[in-house]
């Protein structure tokens, strides 16, 4: 891959991370945040978490799989994308 163009350097680069975490804020809607997660997955992300603090839910997105919704989990694992990584949700809830 070559260098970024001058225009790309001034904006977001046309890259997609392997793993994405979206933390919903009060002003965000679930519909809007789910659309962002879908866009990440369509653009090549392998996995992602949508953390919904208000409902104490985590939606787990995996490449080519159905979304899994966890209710009030204490931890969540990075699985194959982030082996060994575990997020303790006690501080978030």
C-alpha atoms as a PDB file:
ATOM      1  CA  UNK A   1       0.000   0.000   0.000  1.00  0.00           C
ATOM      2  CA  UNK A   2       1.321   3.445  -0.898  1.00  0.00           C
ATOM      3  CA  UNK A   3       1.335   6.644   1.079  1.00  0.00           C
ATOM      4  CA  UNK A   4      -1.824   8.549   1.855  1.00  0.00           C
ATOM      5  CA  UNK A   5      -2.781  11.367  -0.475  1.00  0.00           C
ATOM      6  CA  UNK A   6      -2.709  14.920   0.839  1.00  0.00           C
ATOM      7  CA  UNK A   7      -6.531  14.898   1.048  1.00  0.00           C
ATOM      8  CA  UNK A   8      -6.510  11.597   2.985  1.00  0.00           C
ATOM      9  CA  UNK A   9      -3.978  13.045   5.418  1.00  0.00           C
ATOM     10  CA  UNK A  10      -6.411  15.871   6.239  1.00  0.00           C
ATOM     11  CA  UNK A  11      -9.361  13.531   6.877  1.00  0.00           C
ATOM     12  CA  UNK A  12      -9.874   9.985   8.064  1.00  0.00           C
ATOM     13  CA  UNK A  13      -7.672   7.504   6.238  1.00  0.00           C
ATOM     14  CA  UNK A  14      -9.519   4.904   4.125  1.00  0.00           C
ATOM     15  CA  UNK A  15      -8.593   2.102   6.513  1.00  0.00           C
ATOM     16  CA  UNK A  16     -10.624  -0.296   8.616  1.00  0.00           C
ATOM     17  CA  UNK A  17      -9.367  -1.725  11.914  1.00  0.00           C
ATOM     18  CA  UNK A  18      -9.511  -5.452  12.630  1.00  0.00           C
ATOM     19  CA  UNK A  19     -11.345  -4.823  15.905  1.00  0.00           C
ATOM     20  CA  UNK A  20     -13.763  -2.028  16.831  1.00  0.00           C
ATOM     21  CA  UNK A  21     -15.319  -0.894  20.117  1.00  0.00           C
ATOM     22  CA  UNK A  22     -18.251   1.521  20.056  1.00  0.00           C
ATOM     23  CA  UNK A  23     -19.368   2.942  23.381  1.00  0.00           C
ATOM     24  CA  UNK A  24     -22.844   4.448  23.139  1.00  0.00           C
ATOM     25  CA  UNK A  25     -23.249   7.928  24.532  1.00  0.00           C
ATOM     26  CA  UNK A  26     -26.546   9.458  25.674  1.00  0.00           C
ATOM     27  CA  UNK A  27     -26.921  11.358  22.421  1.00  0.00           C
ATOM     28  CA  UNK A  28     -26.412   8.200  20.304  1.00  0.00           C
ATOM     29  CA  UNK A  29     -29.280   6.050  19.153  1.00  0.00           C
ATOM     30  CA  UNK A  30     -29.055   2.282  19.026  1.00  0.00           C
ATOM     31  CA  UNK A  31     -30.081   2.362  15.364  1.00  0.00           C
ATOM     32  CA  UNK A  32     -27.298   4.812  14.449  1.00  0.00           C
ATOM     33  CA  UNK A  33     -24.649   2.914  16.419  1.00  0.00           C
ATOM     34  CA  UNK A  34     -25.689  -0.444  14.960  1.00  0.00           C
ATOM     35  CA  UNK A  35     -25.416   1.086  11.485  1.00  0.00           C
ATOM     36  CA  UNK A  36     -21.837   2.165  12.287  1.00  0.00           C
ATOM     37  CA  UNK A  37     -20.983  -1.352  13.459  1.00  0.00           C
ATOM     38  CA  UNK A  38     -22.509  -2.851  10.318  1.00  0.00           C
ATOM     39  CA  UNK A  39     -20.430  -0.481   8.200  1.00  0.00           C
ATOM     40  CA  UNK A  40     -17.225  -1.494  10.010  1.00  0.00           C
ATOM     41  CA  UNK A  41     -18.000  -5.168   9.437  1.00  0.00           C
ATOM     42  CA  UNK A  42     -18.835  -4.589   5.755  1.00  0.00           C
ATOM     43  CA  UNK A  43     -15.510  -2.804   5.340  1.00  0.00           C
ATOM     44  CA  UNK A  44     -13.358  -5.613   6.701  1.00  0.00           C
ATOM     45  CA  UNK A  45     -13.381  -5.552  10.502  1.00  0.00           C
ATOM     46  CA  UNK A  46     -13.066  -9.049  11.969  1.00  0.00           C
ATOM     47  CA  UNK A  47     -14.882  -8.296  15.212  1.00  0.00           C
ATOM     48  CA  UNK A  48     -16.406  -5.537  17.301  1.00  0.00           C
ATOM     49  CA  UNK A  49     -18.246  -4.702  20.478  1.00  0.00           C
ATOM     50  CA  UNK A  50     -21.116  -2.266  20.779  1.00  0.00           C
ATOM     51  CA  UNK A  51     -21.278  -1.359  24.465  1.00  0.00           C
ATOM     52  CA  UNK A  52     -24.696  -0.054  25.475  1.00  0.00           C
ATOM     53  CA  UNK A  53     -24.279   1.284  29.029  1.00  0.00           C
ATOM     54  CA  UNK A  54     -27.896   2.343  29.401  1.00  0.00           C
ATOM     55  CA  UNK A  55     -29.206  -1.189  28.819  1.00  0.00           C
ATOM     56  CA  UNK A  56     -26.104  -2.968  30.201  1.00  0.00           C
ATOM     57  CA  UNK A  57     -25.716  -4.909  26.985  1.00  0.00           C
ATOM     58  CA  UNK A  58     -22.860  -5.764  24.695  1.00  0.00           C
ATOM     59  CA  UNK A  59     -23.487  -6.665  21.101  1.00  0.00           C
ATOM     60  CA  UNK A  60     -20.669  -8.824  19.770  1.00  0.00           C
ATOM     61  CA  UNK A  61     -20.030  -8.596  16.042  1.00  0.00           C
ATOM     62  CA  UNK A  62     -17.950 -11.257  14.291  1.00  0.00           C
ATOM     63  CA  UNK A  63     -17.078 -11.573  10.615  1.00  0.00           C
ATOM     64  CA  UNK A  64     -19.698 -13.630   8.755  1.00  0.00           C
ATOM     65  CA  UNK A  65     -21.673 -14.470  11.925  1.00  0.00           C
ATOM     66  CA  UNK A  66     -24.898 -13.321  13.535  1.00  0.00           C
ATOM     67  CA  UNK A  67     -24.655 -10.615  16.199  1.00  0.00           C
ATOM     68  CA  UNK A  68     -24.607 -11.988  19.746  1.00  0.00           C
ATOM     69  CA  UNK A  69     -26.170  -9.880  22.514  1.00  0.00           C
ATOM     70  CA  UNK A  70     -24.950 -10.342  26.092  1.00  0.00           C
ATOM     71  CA  UNK A  71     -27.044  -9.058  29.002  1.00  0.00           C
ATOM     72  CA  UNK A  72     -25.038  -7.507  31.882  1.00  0.00           C
ATOM     73  CA  UNK A  73     -21.858  -9.538  31.358  1.00  0.00           C
ATOM     74  CA  UNK A  74     -19.107  -9.080  33.946  1.00  0.00           C
ATOM     75  CA  UNK A  75     -16.365  -9.550  31.348  1.00  0.00           C
ATOM     76  CA  UNK A  76     -16.017  -9.909  27.601  1.00  0.00           C
ATOM     77  CA  UNK A  77     -13.191 -11.643  25.751  1.00  0.00           C
ATOM     78  CA  UNK A  78     -11.203 -10.540  22.708  1.00  0.00           C
ATOM     79  CA  UNK A  79     -11.437 -14.124  21.427  1.00  0.00           C
ATOM     80  CA  UNK A  80      -9.327 -14.881  18.326  1.00  0.00           C
ATOM     81  CA  UNK A  81      -8.882 -11.248  17.280  1.00  0.00           C
ATOM     82  CA  UNK A  82      -7.337 -10.143  20.612  1.00  0.00           C
ATOM     83  CA  UNK A  83      -6.185 -13.403  22.230  1.00  0.00           C
ATOM     84  CA  UNK A  84      -5.803 -13.125  25.988  1.00  0.00           C
ATOM     85  CA  UNK A  85      -7.583  -9.759  26.224  1.00  0.00           C
ATOM     86  CA  UNK A  86     -10.507  -9.623  28.652  1.00  0.00           C
ATOM     87  CA  UNK A  87     -12.414  -6.423  29.407  1.00  0.00           C
ATOM     88  CA  UNK A  88     -13.730  -6.159  32.990  1.00  0.00           C
ATOM     89  CA  UNK A  89     -17.042  -4.315  32.731  1.00  0.00           C
ATOM     90  CA  UNK A  90     -17.422  -3.556  36.469  1.00  0.00           C
ATOM     91  CA  UNK A  91     -16.181   0.017  35.944  1.00  0.00           C
ATOM     92  CA  UNK A  92     -18.471   0.580  32.949  1.00  0.00           C
ATOM     93  CA  UNK A  93     -21.710  -0.676  34.491  1.00  0.00           C
END
